[in-house]
Amino acid sequence: MRLSRTQTIVLANQKGGCGKTTTAVNLSAGLALEGYRTCLVDLDGQCNASTTFGIDPEEYRRTKKATVLDAYITKRPADQIAVNVAGRFNDLLSIVPGHPALAALHQQLEAGLRMETLSQQLSPEEEDDHRRDHRERLAKSLEALHTEFDCVVLDTPPELGFLLSTALRAGDWFIIPVFPSEYDLNGLQRLTASAKKIRERSNPRLRLMSVLVGNFDRSTVLDSQMYSRLQQKFGEHLSKVKISRGVKIRESTSHHTTIFEHAATSDHAVQFLEFTREVVARMEKSLADTSDVIVPARPAAADPSEESAVGEVSHG
């Protein structure tokens, strides 16, 4: 099964420890297992998504192999960076590796712009044009994947800032992974506000795909209450799937592998596959609404304030 138009999905939450990278790697693996050609893009300087699929960030740094950093610094097309995860997931999964220097990327670009401003005496309007170009480089790089992949999944760092802003500019959808805690819920307004600003100002395609609750304990009243609060706020955009609390998912993370490879028959593997299918159904419905979905045979198994905006998101 293939989609007629590549769908780009951003995993977003400014809070760390909410299962964002775990969701990114298992959603990407699930999409490949379901027969979709998928590329995972690692935008987090911790590079945990990269190590899950056998990429050693330090080895890439030493040998100067291409990473997502090159999409920003040298404007390299992403199809020249992506590496296939050979021998896994029907060979349908690729990754654009991360780089530890991503954490300092924005400062590096700003420092280069200051030097250019001094040397070429750029006007404020010209500086704004350069900053707009910086924010659009990722989206332009990812366009090179659109003839090869059904889905592009972006893992992002746990902060509201430059990297998340560039990811949302490139996205068709965003997914918010959360844990059922007050701390997780409190930060959602700023995140959804930033997404709304980006949708209004630079990327009208961007829509909320889903809010996914992880680390969920069905036996506790508090977790159920938190889920109900999310349901009141997000309605149909709250995933019906809940990722259970448990040791298997933590083991797969510590072993740098996916839940499908570590514990294929576990509740967690079943839940992530259900979530994958929920995501696919949402994409197919959206494309079918504009007669954009094709179903061949299925294979075997522009504004700096976007980075800190406040308001409410349009769910789409």
Protein backbone atom coordinates (compact mmCIF):
# COMPACT_ATOMS: atom_id res chain seq x y z
CA MET A 1 0.00 0.00 0.00
CA ARG A 2 1.32 3.44 -0.93
CA LEU A 3 0.12 7.02 -0.53
CA SER A 4 -0.06 9.30 -3.53
CA ARG A 5 1.55 12.18 -1.64
CA THR A 6 4.26 11.97 1.00
CA GLN A 7 2.96 12.73 4.48
CA THR A 8 5.33 14.38 6.96
CA ILE A 9 4.61 13.79 10.66
CA VAL A 10 6.30 15.77 13.44
CA LEU A 11 6.61 14.36 16.97
CA ALA A 12 6.46 17.40 19.21
CA ASN A 13 6.56 18.16 22.92
CA GLN A 14 8.80 20.69 24.63
CA LYS A 15 8.90 18.52 27.75
CA GLY A 16 11.50 15.78 27.98
CA GLY A 17 10.72 12.28 29.21
CA CYS A 18 7.27 12.07 27.62
CA GLY A 19 7.96 9.20 25.21
CA LYS A 20 8.53 11.36 22.13
CA THR A 21 11.54 9.51 20.72
CA THR A 22 10.04 6.16 21.74
CA THR A 23 6.94 7.07 19.76
CA ALA A 24 8.96 8.33 16.79
CA VAL A 25 11.03 5.14 16.42
CA ASN A 26 8.13 2.74 17.00
CA LEU A 27 5.74 4.65 14.74
CA SER A 28 8.38 4.67 12.00
CA ALA A 29 9.01 0.95 12.44
CA GLY A 30 5.27 0.25 12.53
CA LEU A 31 4.68 2.16 9.30
CA ALA A 32 7.44 0.15 7.59
CA LEU A 33 5.99 -3.11 8.93
CA GLU A 34 2.62 -2.07 7.47
CA GLY A 35 4.22 -1.70 4.05
CA TYR A 36 4.86 2.06 3.89
CA ARG A 37 8.24 3.39 2.76
CA THR A 38 9.24 5.51 5.75
CA CYS A 39 12.09 7.87 6.57
CA LEU A 40 12.81 8.91 10.17
CA VAL A 41 14.58 12.26 10.59
CA ASP A 42 16.49 12.72 13.86
CA LEU A 43 16.46 16.41 14.90
CA ASP A 44 17.37 15.80 18.54
CA GLY A 45 21.00 16.45 19.48
CA GLN A 46 20.84 13.47 21.85
CA CYS A 47 20.55 11.29 18.70
CA ASN A 48 18.65 8.49 20.46
CA ALA A 49 16.54 7.77 17.39
CA SER A 50 19.72 7.37 15.36
CA THR A 51 21.32 4.92 17.79
CA THR A 52 18.12 2.84 17.83
CA PHE A 53 18.71 2.08 14.16
CA GLY A 54 22.44 1.40 14.36
CA ILE A 55 23.84 4.88 13.73
CA ASP A 56 26.80 5.88 15.93
CA PRO A 57 26.69 9.72 16.12
CA GLU A 58 30.29 9.96 17.29
CA GLU A 59 31.49 7.82 14.39
CA TYR A 60 29.53 10.02 12.00
CA ARG A 61 31.12 13.10 13.60
CA ARG A 62 34.66 11.68 13.30
CA THR A 63 34.28 10.56 9.69
CA LYS A 64 32.27 13.63 8.67
CA LYS A 65 29.47 11.57 7.18
CA ALA A 66 26.39 13.52 6.16
CA THR A 67 23.71 14.09 8.81
CA VAL A 68 20.64 16.28 9.14
CA LEU A 69 23.02 19.08 10.12
CA ASP A 70 24.00 19.28 6.44
CA ALA A 71 20.40 20.08 5.51
CA TYR A 72 20.78 23.31 7.49
CA ILE A 73 24.44 24.20 6.94
CA THR A 74 25.04 23.25 3.29
CA LYS A 75 21.40 22.90 2.13
CA ARG A 76 22.03 19.26 1.17
CA PRO A 77 18.92 17.43 -0.08
CA ALA A 78 17.74 14.80 2.39
CA ASP A 79 17.82 12.00 -0.17
CA GLN A 80 21.61 12.43 -0.18
CA ILE A 81 21.70 11.97 3.61
CA ALA A 82 19.17 9.19 4.26
CA VAL A 83 20.55 5.75 5.14
CA ASN A 84 18.50 2.59 4.65
CA VAL A 85 18.08 0.36 7.72
CA ALA A 86 19.07 -2.73 5.78
CA GLY A 87 17.77 -6.13 6.82
CA ARG A 88 15.08 -4.72 9.11
CA PHE A 89 11.42 -3.82 8.55
CA ASN A 90 11.24 -5.20 5.01
CA ASP A 91 14.02 -2.74 4.00
CA LEU A 92 11.31 -0.05 3.91
CA LEU A 93 12.78 2.09 6.70
CA SER A 94 15.50 4.73 6.28
CA ILE A 95 16.91 7.35 8.64
CA VAL A 96 18.38 10.81 8.27
CA PRO A 97 20.90 10.68 11.15
CA GLY A 98 21.13 13.30 13.86
CA HIS A 99 24.26 15.10 15.06
CA PRO A 100 25.27 16.25 18.57
CA ALA A 101 25.97 19.76 17.24
CA LEU A 102 22.24 20.28 16.54
CA ALA A 103 21.93 21.78 20.01
CA ALA A 104 24.12 24.72 18.95
CA LEU A 105 22.85 25.00 15.36
CA HIS A 106 20.74 28.13 15.83
CA GLN A 107 23.60 29.99 17.50
CA GLN A 108 25.93 28.91 14.68
CA LEU A 109 23.57 30.22 12.01
CA GLU A 110 23.07 33.48 13.89
CA ALA A 111 26.83 33.94 14.30
CA GLY A 112 27.33 33.43 10.57
CA LEU A 113 24.59 35.93 9.83
CA ARG A 114 26.20 38.54 12.11
CA MET A 115 29.50 38.14 10.26
CA GLU A 116 27.74 38.45 6.90
CA THR A 117 25.86 41.53 8.09
CA LEU A 118 29.11 43.22 9.07
CA SER A 119 31.01 42.24 5.93
CA GLN A 120 28.22 43.00 3.44
CA GLN A 121 26.39 45.69 5.42
CA LEU A 122 23.08 43.88 5.19
CA SER A 123 19.92 45.86 5.84
CA PRO A 124 17.44 44.69 8.52
CA GLU A 125 15.15 43.49 5.72
CA GLU A 126 17.97 41.45 4.21
CA GLU A 127 18.74 39.94 7.64
CA ASP A 128 15.07 38.93 7.93
CA ASP A 129 15.29 37.24 4.52
CA HIS A 130 18.32 35.24 5.69
CA ARG A 131 16.56 34.17 8.89
CA ARG A 132 13.52 33.10 6.89
CA ASP A 133 15.84 31.05 4.68
CA HIS A 134 17.35 29.40 7.78
CA ARG A 135 13.90 28.35 8.98
CA GLU A 136 12.92 26.96 5.57
CA ARG A 137 16.06 24.92 4.87
CA LEU A 138 14.80 21.73 6.49
CA ALA A 139 11.50 21.77 4.56
CA LYS A 140 13.33 22.35 1.28
CA SER A 141 15.78 19.55 2.04
CA LEU A 142 12.97 17.11 2.84
CA GLU A 143 11.26 17.83 -0.48
CA ALA A 144 13.85 15.51 -2.05
CA LEU A 145 12.22 12.59 -0.18
CA HIS A 146 8.77 13.17 -1.63
CA THR A 147 9.18 10.92 -4.66
CA GLU A 148 10.65 8.05 -2.66
CA PHE A 149 8.81 7.79 0.67
CA ASP A 150 5.20 7.53 1.77
CA CYS A 151 5.89 8.89 5.24
CA VAL A 152 8.56 11.10 6.78
CA VAL A 153 8.63 11.12 10.60
CA LEU A 154 10.49 13.88 12.45
CA ASP A 155 11.76 13.41 16.00
CA THR A 156 12.40 16.79 17.63
CA PRO A 157 14.24 18.04 20.73
CA PRO A 158 12.38 18.69 24.01
CA GLU A 159 12.12 22.46 23.67
CA LEU A 160 10.19 25.18 21.89
CA GLY A 161 12.72 26.81 19.60
CA PHE A 162 14.42 26.89 16.23
CA LEU A 163 14.56 23.15 15.48
CA LEU A 164 10.92 22.48 16.39
CA SER A 165 9.86 25.56 14.44
CA THR A 166 11.65 24.32 11.31
CA ALA A 167 10.13 20.86 11.76
CA LEU A 168 6.58 22.22 12.03
CA ARG A 169 7.18 24.33 8.92
CA ALA A 170 7.96 21.07 7.08
CA GLY A 171 5.08 19.03 8.51
CA ASP A 172 1.67 17.99 7.30
CA TRP A 173 0.78 16.65 10.76
CA PHE A 174 2.04 16.80 14.30
CA ILE A 175 1.60 14.27 17.11
CA ILE A 176 1.93 15.18 20.78
CA PRO A 177 3.07 12.33 23.05
CA VAL A 178 2.23 12.98 26.71
CA PHE A 179 2.34 11.17 30.02
CA PRO A 180 -0.71 11.44 32.31
CA SER A 181 0.81 13.99 34.69
CA GLU A 182 0.03 17.59 35.57
CA TYR A 183 3.49 18.68 34.39
CA ASP A 184 2.89 17.25 30.92
CA LEU A 185 -0.55 18.82 30.58
CA ASN A 186 0.60 22.27 31.68
CA GLY A 187 2.95 22.73 28.72
CA LEU A 188 0.50 21.82 25.98
CA GLN A 189 -0.97 25.31 25.57
CA ARG A 190 2.36 26.85 24.54
CA LEU A 191 3.05 24.01 22.12
CA THR A 192 -0.34 24.15 20.42
CA ALA A 193 -0.09 27.95 20.30
CA SER A 194 3.24 27.78 18.49
CA ALA A 195 1.79 25.28 16.02
CA LYS A 196 -1.15 27.61 15.39
CA LYS A 197 1.13 30.55 14.64
CA ILE A 198 3.19 28.49 12.20
CA ARG A 199 0.04 27.24 10.47
CA GLU A 200 -1.26 30.79 10.11
CA ARG A 201 1.99 32.39 8.97
CA SER A 202 3.97 29.87 6.99
CA ASN A 203 2.51 26.35 6.71
CA PRO A 204 -1.26 26.10 6.19
CA ARG A 205 -0.96 22.31 5.66
CA LEU A 206 -0.04 21.72 9.32
CA ARG A 207 -2.70 19.88 11.36
CA LEU A 208 -2.86 18.09 14.68
CA MET A 209 -2.90 14.35 14.01
CA SER A 210 -3.12 12.98 17.53
CA VAL A 211 -2.35 13.31 21.20
CA LEU A 212 -0.93 9.98 22.38
CA VAL A 213 -0.95 9.10 26.08
CA GLY A 214 1.93 6.90 27.22
CA ASN A 215 3.05 5.44 30.55
CA PHE A 216 -0.64 4.85 31.26
CA ASP A 217 -1.66 2.82 34.30
CA ARG A 218 -5.24 1.58 33.91
CA SER A 219 -5.41 0.68 37.61
CA THR A 220 -5.04 4.27 38.85
CA VAL A 221 -7.88 6.77 39.09
CA LEU A 222 -5.49 9.68 38.50
CA ASP A 223 -4.38 8.44 35.06
CA SER A 224 -8.01 8.00 34.00
CA GLN A 225 -8.81 11.50 35.22
CA MET A 226 -5.91 12.94 33.25
CA TYR A 227 -7.08 11.09 30.14
CA SER A 228 -10.58 12.55 30.60
CA ARG A 229 -9.15 16.07 30.85
CA LEU A 230 -7.24 15.55 27.60
CA GLN A 231 -10.40 14.22 25.97
CA GLN A 232 -12.29 17.37 26.95
CA LYS A 233 -9.58 19.55 25.40
CA PHE A 234 -8.68 17.60 22.27
CA GLY A 235 -11.80 15.55 21.53
CA GLU A 236 -11.37 13.26 18.52
CA HIS A 237 -7.69 14.19 18.29
CA LEU A 238 -6.96 12.24 21.46
CA SER A 239 -5.83 8.78 20.41
CA LYS A 240 -8.01 5.91 21.50
CA VAL A 241 -4.79 3.94 21.99
CA LYS A 242 -3.02 4.26 25.33
CA ILE A 243 0.57 3.05 25.68
CA SER A 244 0.73 1.13 28.94
CA ARG A 245 3.29 1.57 31.66
CA GLY A 246 5.61 -1.43 31.78
CA VAL A 247 9.10 -2.81 31.72
CA LYS A 248 9.18 -4.06 28.11
CA ILE A 249 9.04 -0.58 26.61
CA ARG A 250 11.80 0.61 28.96
CA GLU A 251 13.89 -2.42 28.07
CA SER A 252 13.57 -1.78 24.34
CA THR A 253 14.72 1.82 24.86
CA SER A 254 17.73 0.81 26.94
CA HIS A 255 18.67 -1.87 24.38
CA HIS A 256 18.45 0.67 21.51
CA THR A 257 15.84 -1.28 19.59
CA THR A 258 12.15 -1.07 18.75
CA ILE A 259 9.38 -2.73 20.71
CA PHE A 260 8.56 -4.87 17.65
CA GLU A 261 12.04 -6.41 17.73
CA HIS A 262 12.44 -6.61 21.50
CA ALA A 263 9.02 -7.94 22.51
CA ALA A 264 6.87 -8.54 19.43
CA THR A 265 4.00 -10.18 21.34
CA SER A 266 3.91 -7.70 24.23
CA ASP A 267 0.99 -5.38 24.96
CA HIS A 268 3.25 -2.46 24.02
CA ALA A 269 3.94 -3.87 20.54
CA VAL A 270 0.21 -4.44 19.99
CA GLN A 271 -0.55 -0.90 21.17
CA PHE A 272 2.04 0.74 18.92
CA LEU A 273 0.78 -1.25 15.95
CA GLU A 274 -2.78 -0.14 16.74
CA PHE A 275 -1.59 3.46 16.95
CA THR A 276 0.25 3.09 13.64
CA ARG A 277 -2.93 1.89 11.99
CA GLU A 278 -4.87 4.75 13.54
CA VAL A 279 -2.35 7.20 12.02
CA VAL A 280 -2.56 5.49 8.63
CA ALA A 281 -6.36 5.62 8.69
CA ARG A 282 -6.26 9.35 9.43
CA MET A 283 -3.82 10.02 6.57
CA GLU A 284 -5.78 7.89 4.11
CA LYS A 285 -9.05 9.60 5.01
CA SER A 286 -7.49 13.02 4.53
CA LEU A 287 -6.04 12.06 1.15
CA ALA A 288 -9.24 10.29 0.07
CA ASP A 289 -11.24 13.43 0.80
CA THR A 290 -9.35 15.04 -2.08
CA SER A 291 -9.17 11.83 -4.17
CA ASP A 292 -5.45 11.57 -3.49
CA VAL A 293 -5.08 8.04 -2.20
CA ILE A 294 -4.04 5.10 -4.35
CA VAL A 295 -4.07 1.54 -3.14
CA PRO A 296 -1.88 -0.87 -5.09
CA ALA A 297 -1.02 -4.33 -3.84
CA ARG A 298 0.28 -4.33 -0.29
CA PRO A 299 3.81 -5.74 0.11
CA ALA A 300 4.55 -8.51 2.51
CA ALA A 301 4.76 -8.20 6.02
CA ALA A 302 8.07 33.32 8.40
CA ASP A 303 8.26 34.97 11.77
CA PRO A 304 10.72 34.56 14.72
CA SER A 305 7.79 34.74 17.14
CA GLU A 306 6.71 31.35 15.82
CA GLU A 307 9.29 29.84 18.17
CA SER A 308 7.61 31.19 21.32
CA ALA A 309 4.04 32.05 20.37
CA VAL A 310 1.05 31.90 22.70
CA GLY A 311 -2.58 31.08 21.75
CA GLU A 312 -4.74 28.11 20.75
CA VAL A 313 -4.20 25.64 17.92
CA SER A 314 -6.59 24.87 15.12
CA HIS A 315 -6.84 21.09 15.13
CA GLY A 316 -7.71 20.70 11.46
